[in-house]
Protein backbone atom coordinates (compact mmCIF):
# COMPACT_ATOMS: atom_id res chain seq x y z
CA MET A 1 119.82 155.95 269.23
CA SER A 2 120.33 154.46 265.77
CA VAL A 3 117.26 153.04 264.10
CA ASN A 4 119.10 149.68 263.97
CA GLN A 5 119.72 149.66 267.71
CA ARG A 6 117.45 148.27 270.37
CA GLN A 7 117.46 147.71 274.09
CA LYS A 8 118.80 144.43 275.44
CA PRO A 9 115.97 142.01 276.20
CA ALA A 10 115.20 141.38 279.86
CA LEU A 11 116.34 137.99 281.14
CA SER A 12 114.29 135.68 283.32
CA PHE A 13 114.98 135.13 287.00
CA TRP A 14 116.56 131.72 286.34
CA GLN A 15 118.72 133.03 283.51
CA ILE A 16 120.15 135.64 285.88
CA TRP A 17 120.46 132.97 288.58
CA ASN A 18 122.54 130.74 286.29
CA MET A 19 124.83 133.53 285.08
CA CYS A 20 125.56 134.61 288.67
CA PHE A 21 125.77 131.15 290.28
CA GLY A 22 129.53 130.94 289.72
CA PHE A 23 130.01 133.65 292.32
CA LEU A 24 128.99 131.07 294.92
CA GLY A 25 132.20 129.19 294.17
CA ILE A 26 134.36 132.28 293.84
CA GLN A 27 133.28 133.40 297.28
CA PHE A 28 134.19 130.04 298.80
CA GLY A 29 137.78 130.77 297.82
CA PHE A 30 137.62 134.43 298.80
CA ALA A 31 135.98 133.79 302.19
CA LEU A 32 138.35 130.98 303.14
CA GLN A 33 141.25 133.25 302.26
CA ASN A 34 139.90 136.22 304.25
CA ALA A 35 138.85 134.31 307.35
CA ASN A 36 141.88 132.03 307.66
CA THR A 37 144.95 133.68 306.15
CA SER A 38 145.83 135.67 309.28
CA ARG A 39 145.42 132.49 311.30
CA ILE A 40 147.68 130.56 308.90
CA PHE A 41 150.31 133.30 308.93
CA GLN A 42 150.30 133.58 312.74
CA THR A 43 150.44 129.79 313.09
CA LEU A 44 153.50 129.73 310.84
CA GLY A 45 155.24 132.41 312.92
CA ALA A 46 154.27 135.83 311.48
CA ASP A 47 154.54 138.86 313.77
CA MET A 48 151.41 140.95 314.27
CA ASP A 49 152.76 144.09 312.56
CA ALA A 50 154.07 142.04 309.61
CA ILE A 51 150.67 140.56 308.71
CA PRO A 52 149.48 143.58 306.66
CA LEU A 53 152.66 143.40 304.59
CA LEU A 54 152.14 139.70 303.92
CA PHE A 55 148.60 140.49 302.81
CA ILE A 56 149.73 142.75 299.95
CA ALA A 57 149.56 139.72 297.66
CA ALA A 58 145.83 140.23 297.29
CA PRO A 59 145.80 143.88 296.21
CA LEU A 60 148.94 143.65 294.07
CA THR A 61 147.69 140.71 292.07
CA GLY A 62 144.34 142.43 291.61
CA LEU A 63 146.06 145.59 290.43
CA ILE A 64 147.95 143.69 287.76
CA VAL A 65 145.57 140.91 286.79
CA GLN A 66 142.13 142.51 286.61
CA PRO A 67 142.73 145.25 284.00
CA ILE A 68 144.74 142.84 281.83
CA VAL A 69 142.02 140.20 282.01
CA GLY A 70 139.40 142.89 281.40
CA HIS A 71 141.20 144.19 278.32
CA PHE A 72 141.67 140.76 276.76
CA SER A 73 138.19 139.52 277.64
CA ASP A 74 136.73 142.56 275.83
CA LYS A 75 138.54 141.34 272.70
CA THR A 76 138.01 137.59 273.13
CA TRP A 77 135.50 135.59 271.16
CA ASN A 78 135.86 131.83 270.70
CA GLY A 79 133.86 128.64 271.01
CA LEU A 80 133.46 129.14 274.77
CA GLY A 81 132.44 132.79 274.45
CA ARG A 82 133.79 136.12 275.61
CA ARG A 83 134.04 135.96 279.42
CA ARG A 84 133.59 132.23 279.99
CA PRO A 85 137.11 131.18 278.91
CA TYR A 86 138.42 133.27 281.82
CA PHE A 87 135.87 131.73 284.18
CA PHE A 88 137.19 128.29 283.24
CA TRP A 89 140.93 128.88 283.60
CA GLY A 90 140.58 131.06 286.69
CA ALA A 91 138.41 128.46 288.43
CA LEU A 92 140.85 125.68 287.58
CA LEU A 93 143.81 127.58 289.06
CA THR A 94 141.80 128.64 292.11
CA THR A 95 140.85 125.02 292.78
CA LEU A 96 144.49 123.90 292.68
CA ALA A 97 145.65 126.78 294.90
CA LEU A 98 143.02 126.01 297.55
CA ILE A 99 144.24 122.41 297.71
CA VAL A 100 147.91 123.39 298.14
CA MET A 101 147.79 126.45 300.44
CA PRO A 102 146.78 124.82 303.78
CA SER A 103 149.65 122.33 303.42
CA SER A 104 152.27 125.10 303.27
CA PRO A 105 155.29 124.04 305.36
CA THR A 106 156.63 127.58 305.99
CA LEU A 107 155.39 131.14 306.25
CA TRP A 108 156.96 132.15 302.95
CA VAL A 109 155.42 129.24 301.09
CA ALA A 110 152.03 130.25 302.50
CA ALA A 111 152.61 133.87 301.43
CA GLY A 112 153.53 132.69 297.93
CA MET A 113 150.45 130.51 297.71
CA LEU A 114 148.34 133.53 298.71
CA TRP A 115 149.68 135.34 295.63
CA ILE A 116 148.73 132.44 293.38
CA LEU A 117 145.32 131.98 295.00
CA ASP A 118 144.41 135.64 294.77
CA ALA A 119 145.60 135.96 291.18
CA SER A 120 143.47 132.96 290.23
CA ILE A 121 140.39 134.34 291.97
CA ASN A 122 140.90 137.65 290.16
CA VAL A 123 141.11 135.94 286.77
CA THR A 124 137.71 134.39 287.47
CA MET A 125 136.01 137.29 289.23
CA GLU A 126 136.72 140.28 286.96
CA PRO A 127 134.89 138.89 283.90
CA PHE A 128 131.89 138.03 286.11
CA ARG A 129 131.45 141.75 286.85
CA ALA A 130 131.59 142.62 283.16
CA PHE A 131 129.28 139.67 282.39
CA VAL A 132 126.35 141.42 284.09
CA GLY A 133 126.97 144.57 282.08
CA ASP A 134 127.19 142.53 278.87
CA MET A 135 124.03 140.50 279.36
CA LEU A 136 121.51 142.68 281.19
CA PRO A 137 119.67 145.86 280.22
CA SER A 138 120.18 148.87 282.44
CA SER A 139 116.90 148.23 284.25
CA GLN A 140 118.09 144.80 285.45
CA ARG A 141 121.71 145.53 286.30
CA THR A 142 121.13 146.42 289.94
CA PHE A 143 119.26 143.13 290.32
CA GLY A 144 122.10 141.29 288.55
CA TYR A 145 124.74 142.66 290.90
CA VAL A 146 122.48 142.04 293.88
CA MET A 147 122.09 138.42 292.70
CA GLN A 148 125.88 138.14 292.64
CA THR A 149 125.90 139.57 296.15
CA PHE A 150 123.34 136.96 297.22
CA PHE A 151 125.63 134.16 296.05
CA ILE A 152 128.63 135.89 297.58
CA GLY A 153 126.76 135.90 300.89
CA VAL A 154 125.69 132.26 300.69
CA GLY A 155 129.16 131.08 299.69
CA ALA A 156 130.87 133.16 302.34
CA VAL A 157 128.50 132.02 305.10
CA VAL A 158 129.17 128.36 304.44
CA ALA A 159 132.91 128.81 303.75
CA SER A 160 133.50 130.96 306.84
CA MET A 161 131.70 128.43 309.05
CA LEU A 162 133.58 125.41 307.74
CA PRO A 163 136.40 125.32 310.36
CA TRP A 164 133.80 125.70 313.13
CA ILE A 165 131.61 122.98 311.57
CA PHE A 166 134.51 120.55 311.24
CA THR A 167 135.57 121.23 314.84
CA ASN A 168 132.23 121.30 316.64
CA LEU A 169 130.02 119.04 314.55
CA LEU A 170 132.48 116.59 313.00
CA ASP A 171 135.04 116.47 315.84
CA VAL A 172 137.99 117.41 313.65
CA ALA A 173 140.99 118.88 315.49
CA ASN A 174 141.26 122.68 315.46
CA THR A 175 144.73 122.76 316.99
CA ALA A 176 147.98 121.32 315.68
CA PRO A 177 151.65 121.12 316.64
CA GLU A 178 153.71 124.25 316.17
CA GLY A 179 154.19 125.14 312.50
CA GLN A 180 151.30 122.99 311.25
CA ILE A 181 147.85 124.06 310.06
CA PRO A 182 144.93 122.46 311.98
CA ASP A 183 142.99 119.75 310.17
CA SER A 184 139.77 121.79 310.48
CA VAL A 185 141.32 124.51 308.31
CA ARG A 186 142.88 122.11 305.79
CA TYR A 187 139.65 120.19 305.22
CA SER A 188 137.77 123.47 304.80
CA PHE A 189 140.10 124.48 301.98
CA TYR A 190 139.70 121.11 300.26
CA LEU A 191 135.91 121.40 300.35
CA GLY A 192 136.16 124.97 299.08
CA ALA A 193 138.21 123.78 296.10
CA ALA A 194 135.39 121.43 295.09
CA ALA A 195 132.81 124.21 295.47
CA VAL A 196 134.75 126.54 293.14
CA ALA A 197 135.00 123.93 290.40
CA LEU A 198 131.33 122.92 290.57
CA ALA A 199 129.73 126.38 290.87
CA VAL A 200 131.78 128.10 288.17
CA GLY A 201 131.35 125.05 285.95
CA TRP A 202 127.56 125.41 286.31
CA THR A 203 127.65 129.01 285.02
CA ILE A 204 129.92 128.05 282.11
CA LEU A 205 127.60 125.24 281.02
CA ARG A 206 124.23 126.94 281.65
CA THR A 207 124.73 130.36 280.06
CA ARG A 208 125.30 131.80 276.61
CA GLU A 209 126.83 135.16 275.67
CA TYR A 210 126.03 137.84 273.13
CA SER A 211 128.57 137.96 270.33
CA PRO A 212 130.43 141.23 269.64
CA ALA A 213 128.14 141.82 266.63
CA GLU A 214 125.03 141.39 268.76
CA LEU A 215 126.37 143.74 271.43
CA ALA A 216 127.09 146.38 268.79
CA ASN A 217 123.40 146.40 267.86
CA PHE A 218 122.22 147.20 271.38
CA ALA A 219 121.78 150.80 272.51
CA GLU A 220 124.03 152.18 275.23
CA PRO A 221 122.55 153.65 278.45
CA GLU A 222 122.48 157.45 278.38
CA ASN A 223 125.44 157.90 280.75
CA ALA A 224 127.51 155.38 278.80
CA ALA A 225 126.66 157.15 275.52
CA LYS A 226 127.98 160.39 277.04
CA ALA A 227 131.17 158.58 278.05
CA VAL A 228 131.60 157.31 274.48
CA GLN A 229 131.16 160.84 273.13
CA ALA A 230 133.66 162.26 275.62
CA GLN A 231 136.18 159.57 274.75
CA ASN A 232 135.76 160.13 271.02
CA GLU A 233 136.63 163.79 271.56
CA VAL A 234 140.06 162.89 272.96
CA ASP A 235 140.86 159.93 270.72
CA GLY A 236 144.27 160.43 269.19
CA GLN A 237 145.24 163.13 271.71
CA ALA A 238 148.29 162.66 273.94
CA VAL A 239 147.39 162.16 277.60
CA PHE A 240 150.79 161.24 279.08
CA SER A 241 153.83 163.42 279.71
CA VAL A 242 157.42 162.28 280.21
CA SER A 243 158.19 165.30 282.39
CA SER A 244 155.23 164.59 284.68
CA ALA A 245 156.27 160.95 284.88
CA MET A 246 159.80 161.91 285.94
CA VAL A 247 158.43 164.04 288.79
CA TRP A 248 156.64 160.97 290.18
CA VAL A 249 159.74 158.79 289.74
CA LEU A 250 161.95 161.34 291.49
CA ALA A 251 159.47 161.79 294.36
CA GLY A 252 159.27 158.04 294.87
CA ALA A 253 163.04 157.57 294.69
CA LEU A 254 163.79 160.39 297.15
CA SER A 255 161.17 159.25 299.66
CA THR A 256 162.42 155.66 299.40
CA ALA A 257 165.96 156.87 300.06
CA ALA A 258 164.71 158.85 303.06
CA ILE A 259 163.09 155.75 304.57
CA TYR A 260 166.35 153.85 304.16
CA GLY A 261 168.57 156.70 305.37
CA PHE A 262 166.51 157.50 308.48
CA ASN A 263 165.68 153.86 309.17
CA TRP A 264 161.93 154.51 309.14
CA ALA A 265 159.37 151.72 309.22
CA TYR A 266 159.88 149.29 306.33
CA GLN A 267 156.12 149.15 305.59
CA LEU A 268 156.41 152.66 304.11
CA TYR A 269 158.41 151.22 301.24
CA ILE A 270 155.11 150.01 299.76
CA LEU A 271 153.94 153.61 299.36
CA THR A 272 157.19 155.15 298.15
CA ILE A 273 158.10 152.39 295.73
CA GLY A 274 154.51 152.49 294.50
CA ILE A 275 154.88 156.20 293.74
CA ALA A 276 158.05 155.52 291.74
CA ILE A 277 156.41 152.65 289.85
CA TYR A 278 153.45 154.90 289.03
CA GLY A 279 155.92 157.35 287.47
CA LEU A 280 157.60 154.59 285.46
CA ILE A 281 154.21 153.43 284.20
CA GLN A 282 153.46 156.98 283.03
CA TRP A 283 156.88 157.21 281.38
CA TYR A 284 156.41 153.92 279.51
CA SER A 285 152.90 154.94 278.43
CA ALA A 286 154.21 158.28 277.19
CA ARG A 287 156.87 156.48 275.12
CA LEU A 288 154.26 154.17 273.59
CA GLU A 289 152.01 157.12 272.86
CA ALA A 290 154.78 159.10 271.20
CA ALA A 291 155.65 156.11 269.01
CA GLY A 292 152.02 155.60 268.03
CA ARG A 293 152.00 152.11 269.54
CA SER A 294 149.30 150.53 271.68
CA ASN A 295 148.88 147.34 273.70
CA GLY A 296 146.76 146.08 276.58
CA PHE A 297 148.97 147.81 279.13
CA TYR A 298 148.68 151.17 277.39
CA ALA A 299 144.92 150.73 276.93
CA ALA A 300 144.48 150.15 280.67
CA CYS A 301 146.62 153.18 281.57
CA ARG A 302 144.79 155.44 279.10
CA SER A 303 141.45 154.23 280.47
CA VAL A 304 142.54 155.36 283.94
CA VAL A 305 143.33 158.86 282.69
CA LEU A 306 140.15 159.14 280.59
CA MET A 307 137.71 157.39 282.93
CA PRO A 308 134.23 158.96 283.06
CA THR A 309 133.48 161.57 285.74
CA THR A 310 131.03 159.30 287.52
CA MET A 311 133.68 156.60 287.76
CA ARG A 312 136.22 159.10 289.08
CA LYS A 313 133.92 160.15 291.93
CA LEU A 314 132.97 156.58 292.72
CA ALA A 315 136.69 155.88 293.05
CA VAL A 316 136.85 158.08 296.15
CA VAL A 317 133.94 156.19 297.72
CA GLN A 318 135.61 152.89 296.90
CA PHE A 319 138.94 153.99 298.39
CA PHE A 320 137.55 154.56 301.88
CA SER A 321 135.16 151.60 301.66
CA TRP A 322 137.86 149.07 300.83
CA PHE A 323 140.46 150.50 303.21
CA ALA A 324 138.00 149.70 305.99
CA LEU A 325 137.29 146.21 304.63
CA PHE A 326 141.01 145.41 304.42
CA ALA A 327 141.39 146.49 308.05
CA MET A 328 138.52 144.18 309.02
CA TRP A 329 139.91 141.15 307.20
CA ILE A 330 143.38 141.56 308.71
CA TYR A 331 142.55 142.62 312.26
CA THR A 332 139.28 140.96 313.23
CA THR A 333 141.04 137.73 314.25
CA PRO A 334 143.69 139.38 316.47
CA ALA A 335 141.12 141.92 317.75
CA VAL A 336 138.53 139.35 318.82
CA THR A 337 141.00 136.78 320.15
CA SER A 338 142.78 139.37 322.32
CA HIS A 339 139.88 141.67 323.31
CA HIS A 340 137.07 139.14 323.73
CA PHE A 341 138.89 135.84 324.37
CA GLY A 342 141.92 137.18 326.24
CA SER A 343 144.69 135.48 324.24
CA SER A 344 147.15 136.41 321.49
CA ASP A 345 148.97 133.06 321.54
CA PRO A 346 148.15 131.07 318.37
CA LEU A 347 148.96 127.81 320.19
CA SER A 348 146.47 128.41 323.01
CA GLU A 349 142.99 126.94 323.18
CA ALA A 350 141.46 130.38 323.85
CA TYR A 351 143.05 131.88 320.75
CA ASN A 352 141.83 129.05 318.52
CA GLN A 353 138.33 129.25 320.01
CA GLY A 354 138.36 132.98 319.22
CA ALA A 355 139.68 132.37 315.71
CA ASP A 356 136.90 129.84 315.09
CA TRP A 357 134.39 132.40 316.36
CA VAL A 358 135.76 134.98 313.92
CA GLY A 359 134.88 132.51 311.17
CA MET A 360 131.36 132.47 312.55
CA LEU A 361 131.27 136.28 312.66
CA PHE A 362 132.41 136.42 309.04
CA ALA A 363 129.69 133.92 308.25
CA GLY A 364 127.32 136.19 310.16
CA TYR A 365 128.02 139.36 308.19
CA ASN A 366 127.74 137.40 304.97
CA ALA A 367 124.44 135.91 306.15
CA PHE A 368 123.13 139.39 306.83
CA SER A 369 124.38 140.43 303.40
CA ILE A 370 121.99 137.84 301.95
CA LEU A 371 119.13 139.58 303.74
CA ALA A 372 120.47 142.93 302.54
CA ALA A 373 120.62 141.62 298.96
CA MET A 374 116.91 140.88 299.18
CA LEU A 375 116.11 144.32 300.59
CA ILE A 376 118.43 146.52 298.51
CA PRO A 377 116.26 146.50 295.34
CA MET A 378 113.32 147.73 297.42
CA MET A 379 115.51 150.33 299.14
CA VAL A 380 116.71 151.53 295.73
CA ARG A 381 113.15 151.91 294.47
CA ILE A 382 112.27 154.02 297.52
CA CYS A 383 115.49 155.97 298.14
CA GLY A 384 117.54 155.70 294.94
CA LEU A 385 120.99 154.18 294.52
CA LYS A 386 122.98 156.95 296.20
CA LEU A 387 121.00 157.30 299.41
CA THR A 388 120.69 153.52 299.77
CA HIS A 389 124.46 153.17 299.60
CA GLN A 390 124.99 155.95 302.13
CA VAL A 391 122.57 154.41 304.62
CA ASN A 392 124.19 151.01 304.31
CA LEU A 393 127.71 152.39 304.78
CA LEU A 394 126.60 154.18 307.95
CA LEU A 395 125.03 150.97 309.26
CA GLY A 396 128.37 149.27 308.68
CA ALA A 397 130.23 152.01 310.54
CA LEU A 398 127.89 151.55 313.49
CA GLY A 399 128.58 147.81 313.41
CA PHE A 400 132.36 148.29 313.55
CA ALA A 401 132.17 150.85 316.34
CA SER A 402 129.94 148.60 318.47
CA MET A 403 132.60 145.86 318.50
CA ILE A 404 134.74 148.02 320.78
CA LEU A 405 131.94 148.39 323.33
CA ILE A 406 130.60 144.83 323.32
CA GLN A 407 132.25 142.51 325.83
CA ASP A 408 130.36 139.25 325.32
CA PRO A 409 131.63 137.76 322.03
CA ASN A 410 128.22 136.21 321.34
CA TRP A 411 126.74 139.69 320.95
CA LEU A 412 129.26 140.51 318.20
CA LEU A 413 126.81 138.86 315.83
CA VAL A 414 124.61 141.93 316.28
CA SER A 415 127.52 144.09 315.06
CA MET A 416 127.64 141.97 311.94
CA ILE A 417 124.15 143.15 310.88
CA GLY A 418 125.46 146.58 309.91
CA VAL A 419 128.67 145.16 308.42
CA GLY A 420 126.59 142.77 306.30
CA PHE A 421 124.40 145.56 304.90
CA ALA A 422 127.47 147.65 304.04
CA TRP A 423 129.19 144.68 302.41
CA ALA A 424 126.17 143.85 300.25
CA SER A 425 125.90 147.48 299.19
CA ILE A 426 129.61 147.80 298.34
CA LEU A 427 129.40 144.70 296.16
CA SER A 428 126.40 145.85 294.16
CA ILE A 429 125.51 149.54 294.04
CA PRO A 430 128.85 151.01 292.81
CA TYR A 431 128.91 148.43 290.00
CA ALA A 432 125.31 149.16 289.02
CA ILE A 433 126.15 152.87 288.77
CA LEU A 434 129.41 152.19 286.92
CA SER A 435 127.93 149.80 284.35
CA ASP A 436 125.52 152.53 283.28
CA SER A 437 128.41 154.96 282.82
CA VAL A 438 130.87 153.10 280.57
CA PRO A 439 130.57 151.84 276.95
CA SER A 440 129.74 148.17 276.48
CA ASN A 441 132.73 147.49 274.22
CA LYS A 442 135.03 148.51 277.09
CA MET A 443 133.05 147.05 279.98
CA GLY A 444 135.76 144.54 280.85
CA ILE A 445 138.68 146.94 280.94
CA TYR A 446 136.73 149.58 282.88
CA MET A 447 135.65 146.98 285.42
CA GLY A 448 139.32 146.02 285.70
CA VAL A 449 140.41 149.64 286.08
CA PHE A 450 137.68 150.14 288.69
CA ASN A 451 139.44 147.43 290.65
CA PHE A 452 142.38 149.85 291.06
CA PHE A 453 140.23 151.67 293.60
CA ILE A 454 139.78 148.45 295.51
CA VAL A 455 143.47 147.60 295.28
CA ILE A 456 145.12 150.97 295.96
CA PRO A 457 143.43 151.47 299.35
CA GLN A 458 144.53 147.98 300.35
CA LEU A 459 148.14 148.80 299.43
CA VAL A 460 147.93 152.01 301.43
CA ALA A 461 146.39 150.05 304.30
CA ALA A 462 149.18 147.47 304.11
CA SER A 463 151.66 150.35 304.52
CA LEU A 464 149.93 152.15 307.34
CA LEU A 465 147.90 149.68 309.38
CA GLY A 466 150.94 147.89 310.78
CA LEU A 467 152.29 151.26 311.96
CA ALA A 468 148.92 152.18 313.47
CA SER A 469 148.85 148.85 315.27
CA ARG A 470 152.35 149.36 316.65
CA PHE A 471 152.37 153.06 317.53
CA LEU A 472 148.75 154.19 317.92
CA PHE A 473 147.09 151.05 319.28
CA PRO A 474 149.86 148.80 320.70
CA ASP A 475 148.39 145.47 321.77
CA LYS A 476 144.90 146.86 321.06
CA PRO A 477 143.98 145.73 317.54
CA ILE A 478 140.29 146.21 318.40
CA TYR A 479 140.75 149.95 317.85
CA ILE A 480 141.70 149.34 314.22
CA LEU A 481 138.03 148.40 313.77
CA GLY A 482 137.08 151.79 315.23
CA LEU A 483 139.27 153.38 312.57
CA ALA A 484 137.41 151.33 309.96
CA ALA A 485 134.11 152.72 311.26
CA GLY A 486 135.34 156.27 310.66
CA LEU A 487 136.43 155.43 307.12
CA TRP A 488 132.97 154.15 306.22
CA VAL A 489 131.48 157.42 307.48
CA VAL A 490 133.84 159.28 305.13
CA ALA A 491 132.82 156.99 302.25
CA ALA A 492 129.15 157.75 302.90
CA LEU A 493 129.89 161.48 302.75
CA ALA A 494 131.89 161.08 299.52
CA MET A 495 128.89 159.35 297.92
CA SER A 496 127.06 162.71 298.03
CA PHE A 497 129.28 163.95 295.17
CA VAL A 498 128.49 161.07 292.80
CA LYS A 499 126.03 162.08 290.08
CA HIS A 500 123.62 159.45 288.84
CA ASP A 501 120.06 159.61 287.60
CA ASP A 502 118.27 157.04 289.77
């Protein structure tokens, strides 16, 4: 450590509270999207096996938006700060999207609004992750991410319950004529829009940020310092190859042609076209590198190739964790309505009762995530970050598996205990480990790149889950949740290979 460098000062409880409070609003938008999008799509006429494909808006926008926002927020400094300008514009767009989406007249308008909504949420959310790394010393980062998780839980509980509250407590209709969204859902989105604007606005007004000069005078955590040294050793070296890129392009093109020629399932196009696009990205990066040119796109691609070892191993954990979560968000509504309420007809009373109950279940797992957020710091002190995450993932797997065995839908709330602990852990512990492993001047872009390993599993899931639903579990979407249980077990095992000094 340089003699001019010092550790970041610890912040008070209320300072951390204020800087994380905006996540309350972000989660209103995220939870309303997760709990109600399948319902909106089915109401507007979507087939069951097409729903995963319609959901690719979320991962695709995250894949594009987060690293770009991360790169530019690392380099931004103006009167509003470094990350807060992105909080402001993202929250504004999210608010507008929440107002418009539940009034969508057709399925394709709703799908388009999902793209806009998710892009807006991503613009707001990515800088919030980097914000904790910017502002807190290493000793407080776990607490900072847990505080974000607390607000995520609170926001999601209230947002997920809103359709049920409007229906059962305020006597608002939860059914509507064919092709129309019920009033209970529309009013929930309008209230969520207000919550986003107010909560994110609070964080913008009640926090300050360190300037780039101040950040430069703070010492890096040991793992981050090692990452800086490793990156300095490869600065100026070529990391992309045109020949390697062409192999990926050719593989993607041939497999895409095979799907078309043999008339295989159209969902597979997501994978094969993605492979080809990955090759084109490598090719473009190689051309920029050869010409000695750099931009935000190239910086993000180079960061993927040169990401620290700890981040690379965490990526495997994240892949299986988020594949399972994507399965839950898509299939819990059709699973519970068909398996526990006995109806797959979106116009029936039984289906809509089941869909409302799914909102309550989502509120339940988020409520339990609040409890988990309070317990995780104590678990970390006793067991360390790695073992705590493994235990929580296994609790989540047990929760998913139990949903197959439980017949009374009221008892599904017990299943949500494990899911809530896993969710809280996924939202906090990997980020705490990562923030100690990357340099502060690239916190934003690495947090954005880390989002790739949230996005990619969702794209793979969008390609494969519809096929699993059709061919492996026809008319039995409940078994998709059993598959999710197995994936969380794999994620817990993969966590054993992550190195971190607790």
